[in-house]
Every structure is written in structure tokens, then in C-alpha cells.
């Protein structure tokens, strides 16, 4: 979870989310940094608009699954359906990539986006 928080800090402060900056934030927080996790997160966030993702996450009900909540939202919104589906597909692809990385590194990267 601390890796995601570090990325959010960098985003909020207007800094580029790259391996060096992410590692620096984690080091400053006293986290034992794993390079593979840093690389996986940077790669996963490469084409993601974090501000938009945070807004979408805030709109999803706390008890609902991300895909189910967004699908219900898309059905109610009507014309915005195409954009939501693309975002959902990107998130699903990122989670799959992280799951594969989890298996390779033995760590629970899937918990980062919980």
C-alpha cells in the first residue's frame, strides 16, 4: 500500500512518477524498497491519469466491486458508456499485470489496489 501512497504523493506534488522519485519517497518514509515492485507500479501507472482514477474510485460505492459499480454507473449515464468501459479495461489489464508480477516476486501487489 505504501507504494501507491508514494505515487499519490508524487502526483499531488506535481512530480513525475518514475522509479527514482518513487524510490526516494519510499526511502524517506523508511520503507524497505523492492525494485521489482517499484518497476511494476511505474509501468502500471504509465498511461493512467491518476486524478481521473481517484475521482472514479470516489464515485464507486464502498461495498461494490469496481467493475460492477462502474457498469451500473455507465448504464445510468447512457452516453458516457464507451469511456467508462475503456477505463475499466485498462484497470483490469493493470490488475492482471500486477497479479502476474505478484506470482513472480512472491509479494501481494494485488493488495495495492485492493
Protein backbone atom coordinates (compact mmCIF):
# COMPACT_ATOMS: atom_id res chain seq x y z
CA UNK A 1 0.00 0.00 0.00
CA UNK A 2 2.89 2.33 0.73
CA UNK A 3 3.98 2.16 -2.92
CA UNK A 4 0.61 3.50 -4.07
CA UNK A 5 0.69 6.20 -1.40
CA UNK A 6 4.14 7.26 -2.62
CA UNK A 7 2.80 7.52 -6.18
CA UNK A 8 -0.14 9.60 -4.93
CA UNK A 9 2.24 11.91 -3.07
CA UNK A 10 4.31 12.40 -6.21
CA UNK A 11 1.19 13.08 -8.26
CA UNK A 12 -0.18 15.56 -5.73
CA UNK A 13 3.13 17.45 -5.58
CA UNK A 14 3.35 17.62 -9.38
CA UNK A 15 6.44 15.42 -9.58
CA UNK A 16 6.97 12.81 -12.29
CA UNK A 17 6.15 9.28 -11.22
CA UNK A 18 9.30 7.41 -12.14
CA UNK A 19 11.45 4.77 -10.45
CA UNK A 20 13.92 7.25 -8.96
CA UNK A 21 11.29 9.59 -7.47
CA UNK A 22 9.18 6.71 -6.17
CA UNK A 23 12.22 5.10 -4.56
CA UNK A 24 13.23 8.42 -2.97
CA UNK A 25 9.78 8.89 -1.40
CA UNK A 26 9.73 5.31 -0.10
CA UNK A 27 13.28 5.64 1.29
CA UNK A 28 12.30 8.87 3.04
CA UNK A 29 9.37 7.03 4.64
CA UNK A 30 11.69 4.29 5.89
CA UNK A 31 10.28 1.59 3.60
CA UNK A 32 12.50 -1.32 2.54
CA UNK A 33 12.17 -0.72 -1.21
CA UNK A 34 11.86 -3.63 -3.62
CA UNK A 35 12.94 -2.60 -7.11
CA UNK A 36 10.60 -5.08 -8.81
CA UNK A 37 7.57 -3.57 -7.06
CA UNK A 38 8.69 -0.05 -7.98
CA UNK A 39 9.16 -1.03 -11.63
CA UNK A 40 5.79 -2.80 -11.73
CA UNK A 41 3.96 0.19 -10.27
CA UNK A 42 5.65 2.69 -12.57
CA UNK A 43 4.80 0.51 -15.57
CA UNK A 44 1.20 0.07 -14.41
CA UNK A 45 0.73 3.82 -13.94
CA UNK A 46 2.44 4.82 -17.20
CA UNK A 47 -0.75 5.66 -19.13
CA UNK A 48 -3.04 6.31 -16.16
CA UNK A 49 -4.48 9.71 -15.28
CA UNK A 50 -4.28 9.38 -11.50
CA UNK A 51 -6.57 12.33 -10.81
CA UNK A 52 -9.26 10.78 -13.01
CA UNK A 53 -8.77 7.36 -11.42
CA UNK A 54 -9.17 8.85 -7.93
CA UNK A 55 -12.37 10.62 -9.00
CA UNK A 56 -13.76 7.39 -10.45
CA UNK A 57 -12.84 5.44 -7.32
CA UNK A 58 -14.60 8.01 -5.16
CA UNK A 59 -17.76 7.59 -7.26
CA UNK A 60 -17.90 3.80 -6.78
CA UNK A 61 -19.90 2.65 -3.73
CA UNK A 62 -17.64 1.26 -1.00
CA UNK A 63 -19.32 -2.16 -0.95
CA UNK A 64 -19.50 -2.65 -4.74
CA UNK A 65 -16.89 -4.20 -6.99
CA UNK A 66 -15.12 -1.71 -9.23
CA UNK A 67 -16.36 -3.29 -12.44
CA UNK A 68 -19.92 -3.78 -11.16
CA UNK A 69 -20.19 -0.28 -9.77
CA UNK A 70 -18.80 1.31 -12.90
CA UNK A 71 -21.06 -0.81 -15.09
CA UNK A 72 -24.10 0.33 -13.14
CA UNK A 73 -22.89 3.92 -13.43
CA UNK A 74 -22.34 3.53 -17.18
CA UNK A 75 -25.86 2.18 -17.64
CA UNK A 76 -27.34 5.11 -15.76
CA UNK A 77 -25.17 7.69 -17.54
CA UNK A 78 -26.07 6.47 -21.03
CA UNK A 79 -23.76 8.26 -23.47
CA UNK A 80 -20.62 8.02 -21.33
CA UNK A 81 -20.61 4.24 -21.52
CA UNK A 82 -17.70 3.92 -24.00
CA UNK A 83 -15.21 5.93 -21.93
CA UNK A 84 -16.02 4.03 -18.75
CA UNK A 85 -15.53 0.70 -20.48
CA UNK A 86 -12.09 1.73 -21.69
CA UNK A 87 -11.07 2.79 -18.19
CA UNK A 88 -12.37 -0.48 -16.76
CA UNK A 89 -10.45 -2.48 -19.36
CA UNK A 90 -7.25 -0.57 -18.55
CA UNK A 91 -7.71 -1.16 -14.82
CA UNK A 92 -8.41 -4.85 -15.39
CA UNK A 93 -5.31 -5.18 -17.57
CA UNK A 94 -3.20 -3.44 -14.93
CA UNK A 95 -4.53 -5.72 -12.20
CA UNK A 96 -3.76 -8.79 -14.31
CA UNK A 97 -0.23 -7.50 -14.92
CA UNK A 98 0.20 -6.93 -11.20
CA UNK A 99 -1.11 -10.41 -10.41
CA UNK A 100 1.48 -11.88 -12.77
CA UNK A 101 4.15 -9.77 -11.08
CA UNK A 102 2.88 -10.97 -7.68
CA UNK A 103 3.46 -14.54 -8.67
CA UNK A 104 6.94 -13.74 -9.95
CA UNK A 105 8.03 -11.72 -6.93
CA UNK A 106 6.08 -13.57 -4.26
CA UNK A 107 4.62 -10.32 -2.94
CA UNK A 108 0.97 -9.27 -2.92
CA UNK A 109 0.92 -6.39 -5.40
CA UNK A 110 -2.76 -7.08 -5.98
CA UNK A 111 -3.36 -5.74 -2.47
CA UNK A 112 -2.00 -2.36 -3.54
CA UNK A 113 -5.18 -1.54 -5.40
CA UNK A 114 -7.31 -3.68 -3.11
